[in-house]
Amino acid sequence: MTVYVSNLNFSVTDELLKGLFTSYGEVTSARVMTDKFTNRSRGFGFVEMPDDSAAQKAIDELNGKVVDSRSIGVNQARPKKEY
């Protein structure tokens, strides 16, 4: 399952994001999205976990948690819309 994480502090790295989720199960990848021109964090990221039940538990427990002085939003990612 792919998990969408919003309202991240701009100092959060891929490694820190992965560390938040590893206590819930295996993390295939964790990536903080960055601006392609400035390489600065855009304040959100995605985490991929192969075990859906572990991912759901992480969503339930991390949604609203304060990380680096910001309350993060954690939800199941939705497919990108086609225009």
PDB file of N, CA and C in Angstrom:
ATOM      1  N   MET A   1       0.846  -1.172   0.000  1.00  0.00           N
ATOM      2  CA  MET A   1       0.000   0.000   0.000  1.00  0.00           C
ATOM      3  C   MET A   1       0.897   1.243   0.000  1.00  0.00           C
ATOM      4  N   THR A   2       0.466   2.232  -0.731  1.00  0.00           N
ATOM      5  CA  THR A   2       1.173   3.507  -0.741  1.00  0.00           C
ATOM      6  C   THR A   2       0.462   4.463   0.200  1.00  0.00           C
ATOM      7  N   VAL A   3       1.237   5.096   1.070  1.00  0.00           N
ATOM      8  CA  VAL A   3       0.704   5.998   2.081  1.00  0.00           C
ATOM      9  C   VAL A   3       1.157   7.422   1.760  1.00  0.00           C
ATOM     10  N   TYR A   4       0.222   8.351   1.815  1.00  0.00           N
ATOM     11  CA  TYR A   4       0.491   9.765   1.578  1.00  0.00           C
ATOM     12  C   TYR A   4       0.661  10.449   2.927  1.00  0.00           C
ATOM     13  N   VAL A   5       1.747  11.212   3.084  1.00  0.00           N
ATOM     14  CA  VAL A   5       2.027  11.916   4.332  1.00  0.00           C
ATOM     15  C   VAL A   5       2.104  13.410   4.021  1.00  0.00           C
ATOM     16  N   SER A   6       1.242  14.195   4.657  1.00  0.00           N
ATOM     17  CA  SER A   6       1.193  15.634   4.381  1.00  0.00           C
ATOM     18  C   SER A   6       1.604  16.454   5.600  1.00  0.00           C
ATOM     19  N   ASN A   7       1.816  17.739   5.365  1.00  0.00           N
ATOM     20  CA  ASN A   7       2.176  18.731   6.386  1.00  0.00           C
ATOM     21  C   ASN A   7       3.509  18.414   7.070  1.00  0.00           C
ATOM     22  N   LEU A   8       4.452  17.890   6.296  1.00  0.00           N
ATOM     23  CA  LEU A   8       5.777  17.599   6.840  1.00  0.00           C
ATOM     24  C   LEU A   8       6.577  18.881   7.024  1.00  0.00           C
ATOM     25  N   ASN A   9       7.368  18.937   8.077  1.00  0.00           N
ATOM     26  CA  ASN A   9       8.305  20.023   8.269  1.00  0.00           C
ATOM     27  C   ASN A   9       9.318  19.959   7.125  1.00  0.00           C
ATOM     28  N   PHE A  10       9.786  21.098   6.651  1.00  0.00           N
ATOM     29  CA  PHE A  10      10.707  21.121   5.516  1.00  0.00           C
ATOM     30  C   PHE A  10      12.056  20.479   5.827  1.00  0.00           C
ATOM     31  N   SER A  11      12.344  20.229   7.110  1.00  0.00           N
ATOM     32  CA  SER A  11      13.608  19.588   7.484  1.00  0.00           C
ATOM     33  C   SER A  11      13.531  18.054   7.467  1.00  0.00           C
ATOM     34  N   VAL A  12      12.341  17.494   7.282  1.00  0.00           N
ATOM     35  CA  VAL A  12      12.183  16.038   7.277  1.00  0.00           C
ATOM     36  C   VAL A  12      12.835  15.451   6.021  1.00  0.00           C
ATOM     37  N   THR A  13      13.652  14.413   6.224  1.00  0.00           N
ATOM     38  CA  THR A  13      14.350  13.743   5.122  1.00  0.00           C
ATOM     39  C   THR A  13      13.685  12.402   4.810  1.00  0.00           C
ATOM     40  N   ASP A  14      14.115  11.790   3.701  1.00  0.00           N
ATOM     41  CA  ASP A  14      13.615  10.460   3.339  1.00  0.00           C
ATOM     42  C   ASP A  14      13.873   9.466   4.465  1.00  0.00           C
ATOM     43  N   GLU A  15      15.065   9.541   5.063  1.00  0.00           N
ATOM     44  CA  GLU A  15      15.446   8.610   6.119  1.00  0.00           C
ATOM     45  C   GLU A  15      14.572   8.778   7.358  1.00  0.00           C
ATOM     46  N   LEU A  16      14.285  10.016   7.734  1.00  0.00           N
ATOM     47  CA  LEU A  16      13.427  10.265   8.894  1.00  0.00           C
ATOM     48  C   LEU A  16      12.013   9.764   8.625  1.00  0.00           C
ATOM     49  N   LEU A  17      11.518  10.012   7.425  1.00  0.00           N
ATOM     50  CA  LEU A  17      10.185   9.553   7.048  1.00  0.00           C
ATOM     51  C   LEU A  17      10.116   8.024   7.109  1.00  0.00           C
ATOM     52  N   LYS A  18      11.131   7.366   6.596  1.00  0.00           N
ATOM     53  CA  LYS A  18      11.173   5.899   6.644  1.00  0.00           C
ATOM     54  C   LYS A  18      11.200   5.413   8.089  1.00  0.00           C
ATOM     55  N   GLY A  19      11.975   6.090   8.927  1.00  0.00           N
ATOM     56  CA  GLY A  19      12.079   5.721  10.332  1.00  0.00           C
ATOM     57  C   GLY A  19      10.758   5.796  11.080  1.00  0.00           C
ATOM     58  N   LEU A  20       9.889   6.729  10.693  1.00  0.00           N
ATOM     59  CA  LEU A  20       8.579   6.834  11.330  1.00  0.00           C
ATOM     60  C   LEU A  20       7.733   5.587  11.101  1.00  0.00           C
ATOM     61  N   PHE A  21       7.908   4.959   9.943  1.00  0.00           N
ATOM     62  CA  PHE A  21       7.051   3.844   9.547  1.00  0.00           C
ATOM     63  C   PHE A  21       7.647   2.464   9.804  1.00  0.00           C
ATOM     64  N   THR A  22       8.957   2.351   9.998  1.00  0.00           N
ATOM     65  CA  THR A  22       9.576   1.036  10.147  1.00  0.00           C
ATOM     66  C   THR A  22       9.125   0.289  11.397  1.00  0.00           C
ATOM     67  N   SER A  23       8.693   0.999  12.429  1.00  0.00           N
ATOM     68  CA  SER A  23       8.222   0.306  13.628  1.00  0.00           C
ATOM     69  C   SER A  23       6.881  -0.403  13.390  1.00  0.00           C
ATOM     70  N   TYR A  24       6.211  -0.097  12.274  1.00  0.00           N
ATOM     71  CA  TYR A  24       4.930  -0.730  11.946  1.00  0.00           C
ATOM     72  C   TYR A  24       5.081  -1.898  10.975  1.00  0.00           C
ATOM     73  N   GLY A  25       6.228  -2.002  10.329  1.00  0.00           N
ATOM     74  CA  GLY A  25       6.452  -3.085   9.374  1.00  0.00           C
ATOM     75  C   GLY A  25       7.479  -2.689   8.332  1.00  0.00           C
ATOM     76  N   GLU A  26       7.651  -3.564   7.360  1.00  0.00           N
ATOM     77  CA  GLU A  26       8.640  -3.328   6.295  1.00  0.00           C
ATOM     78  C   GLU A  26       8.245  -2.128   5.445  1.00  0.00           C
ATOM     79  N   VAL A  27       9.241  -1.292   5.152  1.00  0.00           N
ATOM     80  CA  VAL A  27       9.039  -0.129   4.291  1.00  0.00           C
ATOM     81  C   VAL A  27       9.839  -0.352   3.010  1.00  0.00           C
ATOM     82  N   THR A  28       9.145  -0.416   1.877  1.00  0.00           N
ATOM     83  CA  THR A  28       9.798  -0.612   0.595  1.00  0.00           C
ATOM     84  C   THR A  28      10.508   0.657   0.146  1.00  0.00           C
ATOM     85  N   SER A  29       9.834   1.796   0.325  1.00  0.00           N
ATOM     86  CA  SER A  29      10.444   3.080  -0.018  1.00  0.00           C
ATOM     87  C   SER A  29       9.761   4.200   0.750  1.00  0.00           C
ATOM     88  N   ALA A  30      10.504   5.269   0.956  1.00  0.00           N
ATOM     89  CA  ALA A  30       9.973   6.476   1.604  1.00  0.00           C
ATOM     90  C   ALA A  30      10.616   7.661   0.907  1.00  0.00           C
ATOM     91  N   ARG A  31       9.782   8.576   0.433  1.00  0.00           N
ATOM     92  CA  ARG A  31      10.331   9.691  -0.325  1.00  0.00           C
ATOM     93  C   ARG A  31       9.602  10.985  -0.006  1.00  0.00           C
ATOM     94  N   VAL A  32      10.376  12.000   0.367  1.00  0.00           N
ATOM     95  CA  VAL A  32       9.854  13.343   0.556  1.00  0.00           C
ATOM     96  C   VAL A  32       9.944  14.026  -0.805  1.00  0.00           C
ATOM     97  N   MET A  33       8.842  14.585  -1.262  1.00  0.00           N
ATOM     98  CA  MET A  33       8.822  15.219  -2.569  1.00  0.00           C
ATOM     99  C   MET A  33       9.503  16.587  -2.493  1.00  0.00           C
ATOM    100  N   THR A  34      10.305  16.893  -3.517  1.00  0.00           N
ATOM    101  CA  THR A  34      11.049  18.152  -3.537  1.00  0.00           C
ATOM    102  C   THR A  34      10.722  18.946  -4.798  1.00  0.00           C
ATOM    103  N   ASP A  35      10.924  20.250  -4.691  1.00  0.00           N
ATOM    104  CA  ASP A  35      10.738  21.141  -5.829  1.00  0.00           C
ATOM    105  C   ASP A  35      11.869  20.896  -6.815  1.00  0.00           C
ATOM    106  N   LYS A  36      11.556  20.750  -8.095  1.00  0.00           N
ATOM    107  CA  LYS A  36      12.589  20.413  -9.077  1.00  0.00           C
ATOM    108  C   LYS A  36      13.560  21.554  -9.366  1.00  0.00           C
ATOM    109  N   PHE A  37      13.184  22.777  -9.023  1.00  0.00           N
ATOM    110  CA  PHE A  37      14.070  23.909  -9.280  1.00  0.00           C
ATOM    111  C   PHE A  37      14.947  24.263  -8.077  1.00  0.00           C
ATOM    112  N   THR A  38      14.354  24.209  -6.884  1.00  0.00           N
ATOM    113  CA  THR A  38      15.093  24.608  -5.686  1.00  0.00           C
ATOM    114  C   THR A  38      15.604  23.416  -4.869  1.00  0.00           C
ATOM    115  N   ASN A  39      15.093  22.225  -5.160  1.00  0.00           N
ATOM    116  CA  ASN A  39      15.421  20.996  -4.435  1.00  0.00           C
ATOM    117  C   ASN A  39      14.990  21.073  -2.968  1.00  0.00           C
ATOM    118  N   ARG A  40      14.078  21.983  -2.654  1.00  0.00           N
ATOM    119  CA  ARG A  40      13.544  22.147  -1.299  1.00  0.00           C
ATOM    120  C   ARG A  40      12.309  21.264  -1.142  1.00  0.00           C
ATOM    121  N   SER A  41      12.114  20.754   0.071  1.00  0.00           N
ATOM    122  CA  SER A  41      10.954  19.913   0.363  1.00  0.00           C
ATOM    123  C   SER A  41       9.665  20.647   0.011  1.00  0.00           C
ATOM    124  N   ARG A  42       8.694  19.890  -0.488  1.00  0.00           N
ATOM    125  CA  ARG A  42       7.382  20.458  -0.790  1.00  0.00           C
ATOM    126  C   ARG A  42       6.408  20.221   0.371  1.00  0.00           C
ATOM    127  N   GLY A  43       6.874  19.561   1.435  1.00  0.00           N
ATOM    128  CA  GLY A  43       6.044  19.385   2.622  1.00  0.00           C
ATOM    129  C   GLY A  43       5.171  18.148   2.625  1.00  0.00           C
ATOM    130  N   PHE A  44       5.393  17.252   1.671  1.00  0.00           N
ATOM    131  CA  PHE A  44       4.644  15.994   1.665  1.00  0.00           C
ATOM    132  C   PHE A  44       5.512  14.892   1.095  1.00  0.00           C
ATOM    133  N   GLY A  45       5.070  13.656   1.305  1.00  0.00           N
ATOM    134  CA  GLY A  45       5.837  12.525   0.805  1.00  0.00           C
ATOM    135  C   GLY A  45       4.986  11.272   0.705  1.00  0.00           C
ATOM    136  N   PHE A  46       5.621  10.204   0.248  1.00  0.00           N
ATOM    137  CA  PHE A  46       4.945   8.927   0.073  1.00  0.00           C
ATOM    138  C   PHE A  46       5.782   7.813   0.683  1.00  0.00           C
ATOM    139  N   VAL A  47       5.106   6.856   1.285  1.00  0.00           N
ATOM    140  CA  VAL A  47       5.756   5.692   1.876  1.00  0.00           C
ATOM    141  C   VAL A  47       5.073   4.458   1.299  1.00  0.00           C
ATOM    142  N   GLU A  48       5.872   3.498   0.830  1.00  0.00           N
ATOM    143  CA  GLU A  48       5.322   2.251   0.310  1.00  0.00           C
ATOM    144  C   GLU A  48       5.603   1.130   1.292  1.00  0.00           C
ATOM    145  N   MET A  49       4.525   0.405   1.640  1.00  0.00           N
ATOM    146  CA  MET A  49       4.641  -0.732   2.551  1.00  0.00           C
ATOM    147  C   MET A  49       3.957  -1.936   1.907  1.00  0.00           C
ATOM    148  N   PRO A  50       4.639  -3.097   1.838  1.00  0.00           N
ATOM    149  CA  PRO A  50       4.052  -4.264   1.178  1.00  0.00           C
ATOM    150  C   PRO A  50       2.903  -4.906   1.956  1.00  0.00           C
ATOM    151  N   ASP A  51       2.875  -4.744   3.264  1.00  0.00           N
ATOM    152  CA  ASP A  51       1.833  -5.347   4.101  1.00  0.00           C
ATOM    153  C   ASP A  51       0.731  -4.321   4.351  1.00  0.00           C
ATOM    154  N   ASP A  52      -0.440  -4.544   3.747  1.00  0.00           N
ATOM    155  CA  ASP A  52      -1.543  -3.584   3.863  1.00  0.00           C
ATOM    156  C   ASP A  52      -2.015  -3.393   5.296  1.00  0.00           C
ATOM    157  N   SER A  53      -2.027  -4.457   6.094  1.00  0.00           N
ATOM    158  CA  SER A  53      -2.500  -4.314   7.476  1.00  0.00           C
ATOM    159  C   SER A  53      -1.517  -3.490   8.305  1.00  0.00           C
ATOM    160  N   ALA A  54      -0.221  -3.655   8.068  1.00  0.00           N
ATOM    161  CA  ALA A  54       0.785  -2.846   8.765  1.00  0.00           C
ATOM    162  C   ALA A  54       0.664  -1.385   8.336  1.00  0.00           C
ATOM    163  N   ALA A  55       0.426  -1.157   7.042  1.00  0.00           N
ATOM    164  CA  ALA A  55       0.262   0.207   6.539  1.00  0.00           C
ATOM    165  C   ALA A  55      -0.966   0.858   7.154  1.00  0.00           C
ATOM    166  N   GLN A  56      -2.060   0.115   7.266  1.00  0.00           N
ATOM    167  CA  GLN A  56      -3.282   0.667   7.857  1.00  0.00           C
ATOM    168  C   GLN A  56      -3.075   1.002   9.329  1.00  0.00           C
ATOM    169  N   LYS A  57      -2.328   0.156  10.037  1.00  0.00           N
ATOM    170  CA  LYS A  57      -2.036   0.435  11.443  1.00  0.00           C
ATOM    171  C   LYS A  57      -1.198   1.711  11.568  1.00  0.00           C
ATOM    172  N   ALA A  58      -0.220   1.883  10.669  1.00  0.00           N
ATOM    173  CA  ALA A  58       0.599   3.095  10.674  1.00  0.00           C
ATOM    174  C   ALA A  58      -0.261   4.329  10.399  1.00  0.00           C
ATOM    175  N   ILE A  59      -1.178   4.218   9.454  1.00  0.00           N
ATOM    176  CA  ILE A  59      -2.079   5.331   9.138  1.00  0.00           C
ATOM    177  C   ILE A  59      -2.896   5.704  10.369  1.00  0.00           C
ATOM    178  N   ASP A  60      -3.487   4.684  11.004  1.00  0.00           N
ATOM    179  CA  ASP A  60      -4.336   4.927  12.174  1.00  0.00           C
ATOM    180  C   ASP A  60      -3.577   5.584  13.320  1.00  0.00           C
ATOM    181  N   GLU A  61      -2.331   5.158  13.538  1.00  0.00           N
ATOM    182  CA  GLU A  61      -1.581   5.646  14.688  1.00  0.00           C
ATOM    183  C   GLU A  61      -0.771   6.915  14.424  1.00  0.00           C
ATOM    184  N   LEU A  62      -0.374   7.150  13.177  1.00  0.00           N
ATOM    185  CA  LEU A  62       0.459   8.327  12.890  1.00  0.00           C
ATOM    186  C   LEU A  62      -0.333   9.546  12.438  1.00  0.00           C
ATOM    187  N   ASN A  63      -1.558   9.363  11.960  1.00  0.00           N
ATOM    188  CA  ASN A  63      -2.357  10.492  11.496  1.00  0.00           C
ATOM    189  C   ASN A  63      -2.611  11.454  12.659  1.00  0.00           C
ATOM    190  N   GLY A  64      -2.181  12.697  12.510  1.00  0.00           N
ATOM    191  CA  GLY A  64      -2.342  13.702  13.543  1.00  0.00           C
ATOM    192  C   GLY A  64      -1.181  13.787  14.523  1.00  0.00           C
ATOM    193  N   LYS A  65      -0.211  12.875  14.405  1.00  0.00           N
ATOM    194  CA  LYS A  65       0.950  12.889  15.308  1.00  0.00           C
ATOM    195  C   LYS A  65       1.827  14.103  14.997  1.00  0.00           C
ATOM    196  N   VAL A  66       2.426  14.678  16.039  1.00  0.00           N
ATOM    197  CA  VAL A  66       3.304  15.828  15.867  1.00  0.00           C
ATOM    198  C   VAL A  66       4.718  15.334  15.591  1.00  0.00           C
ATOM    199  N   VAL A  67       5.254  15.732  14.437  1.00  0.00           N
ATOM    200  CA  VAL A  67       6.618  15.381  14.030  1.00  0.00           C
ATOM    201  C   VAL A  67       7.330  16.673  13.666  1.00  0.00           C
ATOM    202  N   ASP A  68       8.447  16.942  14.317  1.00  0.00           N
ATOM    203  CA  ASP A  68       9.192  18.191  14.090  1.00  0.00           C
ATOM    204  C   ASP A  68       8.284  19.413  14.188  1.00  0.00           C
ATOM    205  N   SER A  69       7.501  19.475  15.248  1.00  0.00           N
ATOM    206  CA  SER A  69       6.601  20.583  15.585  1.00  0.00           C
ATOM    207  C   SER A  69       5.440  20.793  14.606  1.00  0.00           C
ATOM    208  N   ARG A  70       5.132  19.784  13.781  1.00  0.00           N
ATOM    209  CA  ARG A  70       3.986  19.890  12.877  1.00  0.00           C
ATOM    210  C   ARG A  70       3.122  18.641  12.991  1.00  0.00           C
ATOM    211  N   SER A  71       1.830  18.831  12.993  1.00  0.00           N
ATOM    212  CA  SER A  71       0.880  17.726  13.046  1.00  0.00           C
ATOM    213  C   SER A  71       0.719  17.173  11.627  1.00  0.00           C
ATOM    214  N   ILE A  72       1.186  15.933  11.414  1.00  0.00           N
ATOM    215  CA  ILE A  72       1.175  15.369  10.060  1.00  0.00           C
ATOM    216  C   ILE A  72      -0.157  14.700   9.738  1.00  0.00           C
ATOM    217  N   GLY A  73      -0.481  14.680   8.461  1.00  0.00           N
ATOM    218  CA  GLY A  73      -1.644  13.956   7.967  1.00  0.00           C
ATOM    219  C   GLY A  73      -1.159  12.688   7.286  1.00  0.00           C
ATOM    220  N   VAL A  74      -1.776  11.557   7.608  1.00  0.00           N
ATOM    221  CA  VAL A  74      -1.358  10.275   7.037  1.00  0.00           C
ATOM    222  C   VAL A  74      -2.602   9.567   6.511  1.00  0.00           C
ATOM    223  N   ASN A  75      -2.608   9.283   5.207  1.00  0.00           N
ATOM    224  CA  ASN A  75      -3.753   8.641   4.562  1.00  0.00           C
ATOM    225  C   ASN A  75      -3.270   7.683   3.480  1.00  0.00           C
ATOM    226  N   GLN A  76      -4.179   6.813   3.040  1.00  0.00           N
ATOM    227  CA  GLN A  76      -3.857   5.965   1.899  1.00  0.00           C
ATOM    228  C   GLN A  76      -3.797   6.866   0.668  1.00  0.00           C
ATOM    229  N   ALA A  77      -2.751   6.678  -0.130  1.00  0.00           N
ATOM    230  CA  ALA A  77      -2.588   7.501  -1.344  1.00  0.00           C
ATOM    231  C   ALA A  77      -3.643   7.119  -2.369  1.00  0.00           C
ATOM    232  N   ARG A  78      -4.123   8.112  -3.083  1.00  0.00           N
ATOM    233  CA  ARG A  78      -5.080   7.873  -4.160  1.00  0.00           C
ATOM    234  C   ARG A  78      -4.347   7.937  -5.499  1.00  0.00           C
ATOM    235  N   PRO A  79      -4.842   7.215  -6.481  1.00  0.00           N
ATOM    236  CA  PRO A  79      -4.172   7.264  -7.801  1.00  0.00           C
ATOM    237  C   PRO A  79      -4.200   8.671  -8.384  1.00  0.00           C
ATOM    238  N   LYS A  80      -3.164   8.991  -9.123  1.00  0.00           N
ATOM    239  CA  LYS A  80      -3.060  10.295  -9.771  1.00  0.00           C
ATOM    240  C   LYS A  80      -4.169  10.405 -10.829  1.00  0.00           C
ATOM    241  N   LYS A  81      -4.846  11.546 -10.856  1.00  0.00           N
ATOM    242  CA  LYS A  81      -5.926  11.743 -11.815  1.00  0.00           C
ATOM    243  C   LYS A  81      -5.376  12.014 -13.207  1.00  0.00           C
ATOM    244  N   GLU A  82      -6.058  11.457 -14.191  1.00  0.00           N
ATOM    245  CA  GLU A  82      -5.717  11.726 -15.597  1.00  0.00           C
ATOM    246  C   GLU A  82      -6.523  12.931 -16.060  1.00  0.00           C
ATOM    247  N   TYR A  83      -5.887  13.830 -16.764  1.00  0.00           N
ATOM    248  CA  TYR A  83      -6.596  15.029 -17.253  1.00  0.00           C
ATOM    249  C   TYR A  83      -6.805  14.949 -18.727  1.00  0.00           C
TER     250      TYR A  83
END
